[in-house]
Amino acid sequence: MTLATHGGQAAAIHLRLPPRVLDTDVLPEDAAAELARLVAAAVPAAEEERHGRAPDAMSYTITVEDEGRSTVLTQSDAAMSPAFAALLGWLEKHFA
């Protein structure tokens, strides 16, 4: 799983940072289960079309790779579902 951030007031900084990578195979069982639940909830929410543009809003791309399939979830601060926000918060906390 990867998390990439784009835009925001510090766009130049974020453009230089590589996506953060999480190897879910090394997570404890309870953390992996919670992450799987968050991803399952975020996928349908991210697929719904969300409008709302703000020039300085951050956008986030979460890529989930599972058994040869790749699911890309993208949302921004201007229009983010609660499920995507929960997944993003979990990842941000893990990477901190």
C-alpha atoms as a PDB file:
ATOM      1  CA  MET A   1       0.000   0.000   0.000  1.00  0.00           C
ATOM      2  CA  THR A   2       1.297   3.467  -0.821  1.00  0.00           C
ATOM      3  CA  LEU A   3       0.250   6.971   0.189  1.00  0.00           C
ATOM      4  CA  ALA A   4       1.156   9.945  -1.990  1.00  0.00           C
ATOM      5  CA  THR A   5       0.258  13.556  -1.234  1.00  0.00           C
ATOM      6  CA  HIS A   6      -0.027  16.311  -3.820  1.00  0.00           C
ATOM      7  CA  GLY A   7      -0.664  20.030  -3.846  1.00  0.00           C
ATOM      8  CA  GLY A   8      -1.320  22.271  -0.914  1.00  0.00           C
ATOM      9  CA  GLN A   9       0.483  25.463  -0.082  1.00  0.00           C
ATOM     10  CA  ALA A  10       3.779  23.590   0.081  1.00  0.00           C
ATOM     11  CA  ALA A  11       3.287  21.870  -3.283  1.00  0.00           C
ATOM     12  CA  ALA A  12       6.940  22.115  -4.253  1.00  0.00           C
ATOM     13  CA  ILE A  13       7.951  20.180  -1.157  1.00  0.00           C
ATOM     14  CA  HIS A  14       5.395  17.426  -1.720  1.00  0.00           C
ATOM     15  CA  LEU A  15       6.344  17.005  -5.367  1.00  0.00           C
ATOM     16  CA  ARG A  16       9.824  15.938  -4.312  1.00  0.00           C
ATOM     17  CA  LEU A  17       8.753  13.438  -1.687  1.00  0.00           C
ATOM     18  CA  PRO A  18       8.265   9.842  -2.797  1.00  0.00           C
ATOM     19  CA  PRO A  19       5.084   8.028  -1.827  1.00  0.00           C
ATOM     20  CA  ARG A  20       5.208   6.382   1.577  1.00  0.00           C
ATOM     21  CA  VAL A  21       5.017   2.584   1.412  1.00  0.00           C
ATOM     22  CA  LEU A  22       3.413   0.221   3.899  1.00  0.00           C
ATOM     23  CA  ASP A  23       4.150  -3.499   3.731  1.00  0.00           C
ATOM     24  CA  THR A  24       0.929  -4.914   5.136  1.00  0.00           C
ATOM     25  CA  ASP A  25       2.424  -8.401   5.396  1.00  0.00           C
ATOM     26  CA  VAL A  26       4.444  -7.292   8.432  1.00  0.00           C
ATOM     27  CA  LEU A  27       1.526  -5.753  10.338  1.00  0.00           C
ATOM     28  CA  PRO A  28       0.220  -7.429  13.486  1.00  0.00           C
ATOM     29  CA  GLU A  29      -2.977  -9.378  12.834  1.00  0.00           C
ATOM     30  CA  ASP A  30      -5.272  -6.881  14.599  1.00  0.00           C
ATOM     31  CA  ALA A  31      -3.760  -3.905  12.733  1.00  0.00           C
ATOM     32  CA  ALA A  32      -4.041  -5.731   9.403  1.00  0.00           C
ATOM     33  CA  ALA A  33      -7.708  -6.520  10.117  1.00  0.00           C
ATOM     34  CA  GLU A  34      -8.452  -2.897  11.005  1.00  0.00           C
ATOM     35  CA  LEU A  35      -6.676  -1.686   7.874  1.00  0.00           C
ATOM     36  CA  ALA A  36      -8.617  -4.153   5.700  1.00  0.00           C
ATOM     37  CA  ARG A  37     -11.883  -2.889   7.216  1.00  0.00           C
ATOM     38  CA  LEU A  38     -10.911   0.744   6.547  1.00  0.00           C
ATOM     39  CA  VAL A  39      -9.937  -0.022   2.939  1.00  0.00           C
ATOM     40  CA  ALA A  40     -13.192  -1.917   2.339  1.00  0.00           C
ATOM     41  CA  ALA A  41     -15.173   1.080   3.580  1.00  0.00           C
ATOM     42  CA  ALA A  42     -13.122   3.645   1.635  1.00  0.00           C
ATOM     43  CA  VAL A  43     -13.234   1.979  -1.787  1.00  0.00           C
ATOM     44  CA  PRO A  44     -16.935   2.610  -2.537  1.00  0.00           C
ATOM     45  CA  ALA A  45     -16.739   6.100  -1.017  1.00  0.00           C
ATOM     46  CA  ALA A  46     -13.716   7.033  -3.145  1.00  0.00           C
ATOM     47  CA  GLU A  47     -15.393   5.722  -6.287  1.00  0.00           C
ATOM     48  CA  GLU A  48     -18.325   8.104  -5.808  1.00  0.00           C
ATOM     49  CA  GLU A  49     -17.638  11.254  -7.739  1.00  0.00           C
ATOM     50  CA  ARG A  50     -16.880  14.090  -5.355  1.00  0.00           C
ATOM     51  CA  HIS A  51     -16.699  17.679  -6.489  1.00  0.00           C
ATOM     52  CA  GLY A  52     -15.096  20.562  -4.754  1.00  0.00           C
ATOM     53  CA  ARG A  53     -11.986  22.344  -5.842  1.00  0.00           C
ATOM     54  CA  ALA A  54      -9.821  24.511  -3.698  1.00  0.00           C
ATOM     55  CA  PRO A  55      -6.609  25.894  -5.173  1.00  0.00           C
ATOM     56  CA  ASP A  56      -4.470  25.086  -2.143  1.00  0.00           C
ATOM     57  CA  ALA A  57      -6.144  21.826  -1.118  1.00  0.00           C
ATOM     58  CA  MET A  58      -4.040  18.763  -0.557  1.00  0.00           C
ATOM     59  CA  SER A  59      -4.959  15.666  -2.514  1.00  0.00           C
ATOM     60  CA  TYR A  60      -4.138  12.140  -1.444  1.00  0.00           C
ATOM     61  CA  THR A  61      -3.654   9.011  -3.500  1.00  0.00           C
ATOM     62  CA  ILE A  62      -3.784   5.674  -1.726  1.00  0.00           C
ATOM     63  CA  THR A  63      -2.824   2.692  -3.856  1.00  0.00           C
ATOM     64  CA  VAL A  64      -3.703  -0.771  -2.610  1.00  0.00           C
ATOM     65  CA  GLU A  65      -2.025  -3.712  -4.325  1.00  0.00           C
ATOM     66  CA  ASP A  66      -3.502  -7.097  -3.574  1.00  0.00           C
ATOM     67  CA  GLU A  67      -2.797 -10.339  -5.431  1.00  0.00           C
ATOM     68  CA  GLY A  68      -1.950  -8.635  -8.711  1.00  0.00           C
ATOM     69  CA  ARG A  69      -4.814  -6.124  -8.534  1.00  0.00           C
ATOM     70  CA  SER A  70      -4.242  -2.450  -7.960  1.00  0.00           C
ATOM     71  CA  THR A  71      -6.904  -0.142  -6.525  1.00  0.00           C
ATOM     72  CA  VAL A  72      -6.227   3.597  -6.582  1.00  0.00           C
ATOM     73  CA  LEU A  73      -8.200   5.867  -4.266  1.00  0.00           C
ATOM     74  CA  THR A  74      -7.837   9.635  -4.704  1.00  0.00           C
ATOM     75  CA  GLN A  75      -9.552  12.393  -2.756  1.00  0.00           C
ATOM     76  CA  SER A  76      -8.723  15.885  -1.554  1.00  0.00           C
ATOM     77  CA  ASP A  77      -9.172  18.054   1.480  1.00  0.00           C
ATOM     78  CA  ALA A  78     -11.883  19.918  -0.451  1.00  0.00           C
ATOM     79  CA  ALA A  79     -14.075  16.826  -0.910  1.00  0.00           C
ATOM     80  CA  MET A  80     -13.196  13.833   1.239  1.00  0.00           C
ATOM     81  CA  SER A  81     -15.545  11.099   2.388  1.00  0.00           C
ATOM     82  CA  PRO A  82     -15.539  10.148   6.072  1.00  0.00           C
ATOM     83  CA  ALA A  83     -14.408   6.620   5.151  1.00  0.00           C
ATOM     84  CA  PHE A  84     -11.455   7.921   3.120  1.00  0.00           C
ATOM     85  CA  ALA A  85     -10.579  10.319   5.963  1.00  0.00           C
ATOM     86  CA  ALA A  86     -10.570   7.417   8.436  1.00  0.00           C
ATOM     87  CA  LEU A  87      -8.236   5.387   6.201  1.00  0.00           C
ATOM     88  CA  LEU A  88      -5.977   8.394   5.615  1.00  0.00           C
ATOM     89  CA  GLY A  89      -5.862   9.104   9.353  1.00  0.00           C
ATOM     90  CA  TRP A  90      -4.899   5.502  10.106  1.00  0.00           C
ATOM     91  CA  LEU A  91      -2.101   5.629   7.531  1.00  0.00           C
ATOM     92  CA  GLU A  92      -0.834   9.024   8.699  1.00  0.00           C
ATOM     93  CA  LYS A  93      -0.758   7.758  12.292  1.00  0.00           C
ATOM     94  CA  HIS A  94       1.109   4.632  11.202  1.00  0.00           C
ATOM     95  CA  PHE A  95       3.689   6.624   9.233  1.00  0.00           C
ATOM     96  CA  ALA A  96       4.228   9.158  12.066  1.00  0.00           C
END
